[in-house]
């Protein structure tokens, strides 16, 4: 599947992502700035915060209870489509996904 990250300056990074991997790991592997994943995807740091583009929010689902609480600790303001990318798992249903990286 392919995922595109839109950076705060409007530029994009697109990468092929293996089904079953989380999108924080994919972002780090693709060199996406500001997606750090300091906790290694253990849902403990909120440094992989992204905004899921409007047309993709239903496909990625809503945050779980613990993720929802962690989103209150993000550096950038929480907004519509806020997710921790470590909690979004790549699948064929998400091919073409657009994630926006907070500024």
C-alpha atoms as a PDB file:
ATOM      1  CA  UNK A   1       0.000   0.000   0.000  1.00  0.00           C
ATOM      2  CA  UNK A   2       1.080   3.613  -0.477  1.00  0.00           C
ATOM      3  CA  UNK A   3       0.892   6.341   2.135  1.00  0.00           C
ATOM      4  CA  UNK A   4       1.553  10.041   1.680  1.00  0.00           C
ATOM      5  CA  UNK A   5       2.566  12.363   4.494  1.00  0.00           C
ATOM      6  CA  UNK A   6       1.942  16.051   3.852  1.00  0.00           C
ATOM      7  CA  UNK A   7       4.453  18.229   5.688  1.00  0.00           C
ATOM      8  CA  UNK A   8       3.643  21.636   7.214  1.00  0.00           C
ATOM      9  CA  UNK A   9       5.283  23.414   4.249  1.00  0.00           C
ATOM     10  CA  UNK A  10       2.972  21.614   1.785  1.00  0.00           C
ATOM     11  CA  UNK A  11       5.617  19.220   0.458  1.00  0.00           C
ATOM     12  CA  UNK A  12       4.914  15.498   0.582  1.00  0.00           C
ATOM     13  CA  UNK A  13       6.693  12.207   1.199  1.00  0.00           C
ATOM     14  CA  UNK A  14       5.147   9.062  -0.277  1.00  0.00           C
ATOM     15  CA  UNK A  15       6.232   5.533   0.573  1.00  0.00           C
ATOM     16  CA  UNK A  16       5.195   1.951  -0.016  1.00  0.00           C
ATOM     17  CA  UNK A  17       4.272   0.386   3.312  1.00  0.00           C
ATOM     18  CA  UNK A  18       4.026  -3.306   4.119  1.00  0.00           C
ATOM     19  CA  UNK A  19       0.622  -4.536   5.288  1.00  0.00           C
ATOM     20  CA  UNK A  20       0.605  -5.104   9.038  1.00  0.00           C
ATOM     21  CA  UNK A  21       3.201  -2.480   9.928  1.00  0.00           C
ATOM     22  CA  UNK A  22       2.251   0.608  11.893  1.00  0.00           C
ATOM     23  CA  UNK A  23       2.458   3.983  10.214  1.00  0.00           C
ATOM     24  CA  UNK A  24       4.816   5.497  12.798  1.00  0.00           C
ATOM     25  CA  UNK A  25       7.447   2.907  11.853  1.00  0.00           C
ATOM     26  CA  UNK A  26       6.747   3.572   8.180  1.00  0.00           C
ATOM     27  CA  UNK A  27       7.136   7.338   8.681  1.00  0.00           C
ATOM     28  CA  UNK A  28      10.438   6.936  10.524  1.00  0.00           C
ATOM     29  CA  UNK A  29      11.729   4.579   7.805  1.00  0.00           C
ATOM     30  CA  UNK A  30      10.683   7.084   5.117  1.00  0.00           C
ATOM     31  CA  UNK A  31      12.422   9.987   6.921  1.00  0.00           C
ATOM     32  CA  UNK A  32       9.248  11.934   7.655  1.00  0.00           C
ATOM     33  CA  UNK A  33      10.254  14.860   9.878  1.00  0.00           C
ATOM     34  CA  UNK A  34       8.353  15.526  13.125  1.00  0.00           C
ATOM     35  CA  UNK A  35       7.143  11.915  13.377  1.00  0.00           C
ATOM     36  CA  UNK A  36       9.544  10.665  16.022  1.00  0.00           C
ATOM     37  CA  UNK A  37       8.017   7.670  17.743  1.00  0.00           C
ATOM     38  CA  UNK A  38      10.242   8.114  20.778  1.00  0.00           C
ATOM     39  CA  UNK A  39       8.500   5.299  22.685  1.00  0.00           C
ATOM     40  CA  UNK A  40       8.915   2.840  19.813  1.00  0.00           C
ATOM     41  CA  UNK A  41       5.204   2.548  19.166  1.00  0.00           C
ATOM     42  CA  UNK A  42       4.234   1.612  22.704  1.00  0.00           C
ATOM     43  CA  UNK A  43       1.542   4.295  23.009  1.00  0.00           C
ATOM     44  CA  UNK A  44       3.492   6.167  25.658  1.00  0.00           C
ATOM     45  CA  UNK A  45       4.780   9.431  24.157  1.00  0.00           C
ATOM     46  CA  UNK A  46       2.463  11.022  21.523  1.00  0.00           C
ATOM     47  CA  UNK A  47       5.472  12.009  19.333  1.00  0.00           C
ATOM     48  CA  UNK A  48       3.942  10.343  16.268  1.00  0.00           C
ATOM     49  CA  UNK A  49       0.857  12.569  16.168  1.00  0.00           C
ATOM     50  CA  UNK A  50      -0.651  13.078  12.701  1.00  0.00           C
ATOM     51  CA  UNK A  51      -3.895  14.394  11.251  1.00  0.00           C
ATOM     52  CA  UNK A  52      -5.728  11.847   9.099  1.00  0.00           C
ATOM     53  CA  UNK A  53      -7.135  13.595   6.009  1.00  0.00           C
ATOM     54  CA  UNK A  54     -10.894  14.046   6.134  1.00  0.00           C
ATOM     55  CA  UNK A  55     -11.747  11.464   3.492  1.00  0.00           C
ATOM     56  CA  UNK A  56      -9.765   8.778   5.342  1.00  0.00           C
ATOM     57  CA  UNK A  57     -10.958   9.204   8.927  1.00  0.00           C
ATOM     58  CA  UNK A  58     -13.666   6.517   8.744  1.00  0.00           C
ATOM     59  CA  UNK A  59     -11.231   4.025   7.189  1.00  0.00           C
ATOM     60  CA  UNK A  60      -8.600   4.505   9.899  1.00  0.00           C
ATOM     61  CA  UNK A  61     -11.176   4.438  12.678  1.00  0.00           C
ATOM     62  CA  UNK A  62     -11.446   6.387  15.881  1.00  0.00           C
ATOM     63  CA  UNK A  63      -8.759   6.395  18.556  1.00  0.00           C
ATOM     64  CA  UNK A  64      -9.107   3.857  21.331  1.00  0.00           C
ATOM     65  CA  UNK A  65      -9.581   5.009  24.911  1.00  0.00           C
ATOM     66  CA  UNK A  66      -5.877   5.136  25.837  1.00  0.00           C
ATOM     67  CA  UNK A  67      -4.867   6.706  22.510  1.00  0.00           C
ATOM     68  CA  UNK A  68      -7.614   9.295  23.000  1.00  0.00           C
ATOM     69  CA  UNK A  69      -6.117  10.235  26.369  1.00  0.00           C
ATOM     70  CA  UNK A  70      -2.585  10.392  24.895  1.00  0.00           C
ATOM     71  CA  UNK A  71      -3.783  12.758  22.171  1.00  0.00           C
ATOM     72  CA  UNK A  72      -4.403  15.345  24.894  1.00  0.00           C
ATOM     73  CA  UNK A  73      -0.603  15.410  25.454  1.00  0.00           C
ATOM     74  CA  UNK A  74       0.505  16.162  21.896  1.00  0.00           C
ATOM     75  CA  UNK A  75       2.814  19.090  21.162  1.00  0.00           C
ATOM     76  CA  UNK A  76       0.635  20.376  18.310  1.00  0.00           C
ATOM     77  CA  UNK A  77      -3.038  21.130  18.939  1.00  0.00           C
ATOM     78  CA  UNK A  78      -5.409  18.227  18.715  1.00  0.00           C
ATOM     79  CA  UNK A  79      -7.720  18.553  15.745  1.00  0.00           C
ATOM     80  CA  UNK A  80     -10.198  16.643  13.628  1.00  0.00           C
ATOM     81  CA  UNK A  81      -8.574  13.425  12.505  1.00  0.00           C
ATOM     82  CA  UNK A  82      -5.856  13.509  15.187  1.00  0.00           C
ATOM     83  CA  UNK A  83      -4.320  10.067  15.634  1.00  0.00           C
ATOM     84  CA  UNK A  84      -1.100   8.574  16.890  1.00  0.00           C
ATOM     85  CA  UNK A  85       0.374   6.980  13.786  1.00  0.00           C
ATOM     86  CA  UNK A  86       1.713   4.034  15.822  1.00  0.00           C
ATOM     87  CA  UNK A  87      -1.905   2.978  16.246  1.00  0.00           C
ATOM     88  CA  UNK A  88      -2.760   2.949  12.532  1.00  0.00           C
ATOM     89  CA  UNK A  89      -1.928  -0.379  10.924  1.00  0.00           C
ATOM     90  CA  UNK A  90      -1.223  -0.570   7.198  1.00  0.00           C
ATOM     91  CA  UNK A  91      -3.669  -2.591   5.117  1.00  0.00           C
ATOM     92  CA  UNK A  92      -4.888  -2.708   1.536  1.00  0.00           C
ATOM     93  CA  UNK A  93      -8.001  -0.785   2.641  1.00  0.00           C
ATOM     94  CA  UNK A  94      -5.745   2.212   3.403  1.00  0.00           C
ATOM     95  CA  UNK A  95      -3.941   2.283   0.042  1.00  0.00           C
ATOM     96  CA  UNK A  96      -3.556   5.956  -0.905  1.00  0.00           C
ATOM     97  CA  UNK A  97      -3.939   7.221   2.682  1.00  0.00           C
ATOM     98  CA  UNK A  98      -3.028  10.866   3.308  1.00  0.00           C
ATOM     99  CA  UNK A  99      -1.656  11.878   6.697  1.00  0.00           C
ATOM    100  CA  UNK A 100      -0.828  15.482   7.575  1.00  0.00           C
ATOM    101  CA  UNK A 101       2.135  16.141   9.852  1.00  0.00           C
ATOM    102  CA  UNK A 102       1.448  18.881  12.432  1.00  0.00           C
ATOM    103  CA  UNK A 103       3.542  22.032  12.217  1.00  0.00           C
END
